[in-house]
Amino acid sequence: MGKKKVLSEGELREMVMPGEGQMFGIVTQMLGYDRLMVKCADGHERVCRIRGKMKRRVWIKVGDTVLVAPWDFQTDSRGDILWRYTESQSNWLRSQGRLTA
């Protein structure tokens, strides 16, 4: 089976930055199954779902920084979670001034 690969700070270079119509958010509450309450950078609190590709591969908890894409309809209340940032990545975003919360 072999050893698990140890990830280092090199993963900072592989960070996903917000594109058109995407924003940062912080998870405030777990709602069950694949739904989370997220406080977004634009001030809205959205019910977001974890997309299927991430569901059993990435574990998200309260306080994590995530990348949110609001839905085309219900833009102020719903969205999808596209990416979860590690603690070191969110600290780097705060130091660069991109993440305010």
C-alpha atoms as a PDB file:
ATOM      1  CA  MET A   1       0.000   0.000   0.000  1.00  0.00           C
ATOM      2  CA  GLY A   2       2.816   2.450   0.736  1.00  0.00           C
ATOM      3  CA  LYS A   3       3.119   5.606   2.762  1.00  0.00           C
ATOM      4  CA  LYS A   4       0.755   8.532   2.621  1.00  0.00           C
ATOM      5  CA  LYS A   5       2.113  11.583   0.817  1.00  0.00           C
ATOM      6  CA  VAL A   6       2.830  14.453   3.196  1.00  0.00           C
ATOM      7  CA  LEU A   7       1.487  17.779   1.959  1.00  0.00           C
ATOM      8  CA  SER A   8       3.548  20.880   2.642  1.00  0.00           C
ATOM      9  CA  GLU A   9       3.197  24.607   2.117  1.00  0.00           C
ATOM     10  CA  GLY A  10       3.682  23.989  -1.599  1.00  0.00           C
ATOM     11  CA  GLU A  11      -0.070  23.571  -1.893  1.00  0.00           C
ATOM     12  CA  LEU A  12      -0.438  27.339  -1.437  1.00  0.00           C
ATOM     13  CA  ARG A  13       0.522  27.755  -5.084  1.00  0.00           C
ATOM     14  CA  GLU A  14      -2.388  25.533  -6.108  1.00  0.00           C
ATOM     15  CA  MET A  15      -5.016  27.702  -4.428  1.00  0.00           C
ATOM     16  CA  VAL A  16      -8.235  28.415  -6.279  1.00  0.00           C
ATOM     17  CA  MET A  17      -9.078  32.118  -6.356  1.00  0.00           C
ATOM     18  CA  PRO A  18     -12.618  33.470  -6.882  1.00  0.00           C
ATOM     19  CA  GLY A  19     -13.661  33.901 -10.480  1.00  0.00           C
ATOM     20  CA  GLU A  20     -16.603  35.724 -12.007  1.00  0.00           C
ATOM     21  CA  GLY A  21     -19.639  35.429  -9.731  1.00  0.00           C
ATOM     22  CA  GLN A  22     -17.755  33.617  -6.936  1.00  0.00           C
ATOM     23  CA  MET A  23     -16.832  34.810  -3.454  1.00  0.00           C
ATOM     24  CA  PHE A  24     -15.287  33.787  -0.161  1.00  0.00           C
ATOM     25  CA  GLY A  25     -17.422  32.626   2.736  1.00  0.00           C
ATOM     26  CA  ILE A  26     -17.125  31.236   6.253  1.00  0.00           C
ATOM     27  CA  VAL A  27     -19.181  28.255   7.420  1.00  0.00           C
ATOM     28  CA  THR A  28     -21.396  29.224  10.366  1.00  0.00           C
ATOM     29  CA  GLN A  29     -23.622  26.170  10.816  1.00  0.00           C
ATOM     30  CA  MET A  30     -23.954  22.555   9.706  1.00  0.00           C
ATOM     31  CA  LEU A  31     -27.491  21.794   8.487  1.00  0.00           C
ATOM     32  CA  GLY A  32     -27.155  18.102   7.714  1.00  0.00           C
ATOM     33  CA  TYR A  33     -26.301  15.864   4.754  1.00  0.00           C
ATOM     34  CA  ASP A  34     -24.636  18.185   2.215  1.00  0.00           C
ATOM     35  CA  ARG A  35     -26.043  21.536   3.355  1.00  0.00           C
ATOM     36  CA  LEU A  36     -24.224  24.275   5.273  1.00  0.00           C
ATOM     37  CA  MET A  37     -25.043  27.829   6.353  1.00  0.00           C
ATOM     38  CA  VAL A  38     -22.331  30.153   5.010  1.00  0.00           C
ATOM     39  CA  LYS A  39     -21.724  33.852   5.753  1.00  0.00           C
ATOM     40  CA  CYS A  40     -20.528  35.255   2.417  1.00  0.00           C
ATOM     41  CA  ALA A  41     -18.263  38.219   1.689  1.00  0.00           C
ATOM     42  CA  ASP A  42     -21.149  40.256   0.245  1.00  0.00           C
ATOM     43  CA  GLY A  43     -22.971  40.170   3.600  1.00  0.00           C
ATOM     44  CA  HIS A  44     -25.627  37.577   2.729  1.00  0.00           C
ATOM     45  CA  GLU A  45     -26.022  34.351   4.661  1.00  0.00           C
ATOM     46  CA  ARG A  46     -26.684  31.489   2.240  1.00  0.00           C
ATOM     47  CA  VAL A  47     -27.693  27.859   2.492  1.00  0.00           C
ATOM     48  CA  CYS A  48     -24.985  26.186   0.437  1.00  0.00           C
ATOM     49  CA  ARG A  49     -24.595  22.610  -0.666  1.00  0.00           C
ATOM     50  CA  ILE A  50     -21.375  20.688  -1.091  1.00  0.00           C
ATOM     51  CA  ARG A  51     -21.029  19.680  -4.718  1.00  0.00           C
ATOM     52  CA  GLY A  52     -20.914  15.979  -5.484  1.00  0.00           C
ATOM     53  CA  LYS A  53     -17.242  15.884  -6.452  1.00  0.00           C
ATOM     54  CA  MET A  54     -16.277  17.064  -2.943  1.00  0.00           C
ATOM     55  CA  LYS A  55     -18.847  15.198  -0.843  1.00  0.00           C
ATOM     56  CA  ARG A  56     -16.816  12.316   0.553  1.00  0.00           C
ATOM     57  CA  ARG A  57     -13.350  13.624  -0.298  1.00  0.00           C
ATOM     58  CA  VAL A  58     -13.245  16.906   1.622  1.00  0.00           C
ATOM     59  CA  TRP A  59     -14.577  17.322   5.153  1.00  0.00           C
ATOM     60  CA  ILE A  60     -15.878  20.773   6.034  1.00  0.00           C
ATOM     61  CA  LYS A  61     -16.498  22.018   9.576  1.00  0.00           C
ATOM     62  CA  VAL A  62     -17.796  25.209  11.219  1.00  0.00           C
ATOM     63  CA  GLY A  63     -15.322  28.075  10.843  1.00  0.00           C
ATOM     64  CA  ASP A  64     -13.755  26.862   7.585  1.00  0.00           C
ATOM     65  CA  THR A  65     -13.166  29.307   4.747  1.00  0.00           C
ATOM     66  CA  VAL A  66     -14.840  28.197   1.505  1.00  0.00           C
ATOM     67  CA  LEU A  67     -15.355  29.399  -2.051  1.00  0.00           C
ATOM     68  CA  VAL A  68     -19.050  29.963  -2.816  1.00  0.00           C
ATOM     69  CA  ALA A  69     -20.840  30.299  -6.154  1.00  0.00           C
ATOM     70  CA  PRO A  70     -24.367  31.726  -5.751  1.00  0.00           C
ATOM     71  CA  TRP A  71     -27.084  30.094  -7.815  1.00  0.00           C
ATOM     72  CA  ASP A  72     -28.447  31.833 -10.922  1.00  0.00           C
ATOM     73  CA  PHE A  73     -31.846  31.986  -9.244  1.00  0.00           C
ATOM     74  CA  GLN A  74     -32.263  32.645  -5.489  1.00  0.00           C
ATOM     75  CA  THR A  75     -28.883  34.411  -5.575  1.00  0.00           C
ATOM     76  CA  ASP A  76     -29.314  35.930  -2.103  1.00  0.00           C
ATOM     77  CA  SER A  77     -30.245  32.710  -0.308  1.00  0.00           C
ATOM     78  CA  ARG A  78     -28.632  29.695  -2.056  1.00  0.00           C
ATOM     79  CA  GLY A  79     -25.242  28.664  -3.399  1.00  0.00           C
ATOM     80  CA  ASP A  80     -22.734  25.889  -4.064  1.00  0.00           C
ATOM     81  CA  ILE A  81     -19.448  25.281  -2.261  1.00  0.00           C
ATOM     82  CA  LEU A  82     -16.664  24.873  -4.800  1.00  0.00           C
ATOM     83  CA  TRP A  83     -13.520  24.750  -2.649  1.00  0.00           C
ATOM     84  CA  ARG A  84     -12.399  24.531   0.990  1.00  0.00           C
ATOM     85  CA  TYR A  85      -9.286  26.433   2.011  1.00  0.00           C
ATOM     86  CA  THR A  86      -6.851  25.012   4.563  1.00  0.00           C
ATOM     87  CA  GLU A  87      -5.980  26.969   7.691  1.00  0.00           C
ATOM     88  CA  SER A  88      -2.654  28.129   6.245  1.00  0.00           C
ATOM     89  CA  GLN A  89      -4.349  29.209   3.006  1.00  0.00           C
ATOM     90  CA  SER A  90      -7.002  31.233   4.850  1.00  0.00           C
ATOM     91  CA  ASN A  91      -4.294  32.878   6.996  1.00  0.00           C
ATOM     92  CA  TRP A  92      -2.413  33.809   3.828  1.00  0.00           C
ATOM     93  CA  LEU A  93      -5.609  35.272   2.298  1.00  0.00           C
ATOM     94  CA  ARG A  94      -6.144  37.378   5.455  1.00  0.00           C
ATOM     95  CA  SER A  95      -2.554  38.647   5.370  1.00  0.00           C
ATOM     96  CA  GLN A  96      -2.970  39.650   1.704  1.00  0.00           C
ATOM     97  CA  GLY A  97      -6.191  41.527   2.527  1.00  0.00           C
ATOM     98  CA  ARG A  98      -8.415  39.386   0.283  1.00  0.00           C
ATOM     99  CA  LEU A  99     -10.367  37.883   3.165  1.00  0.00           C
ATOM    100  CA  THR A 100     -11.821  40.376   5.622  1.00  0.00           C
ATOM    101  CA  ALA A 101     -13.579  38.151   8.175  1.00  0.00           C
END
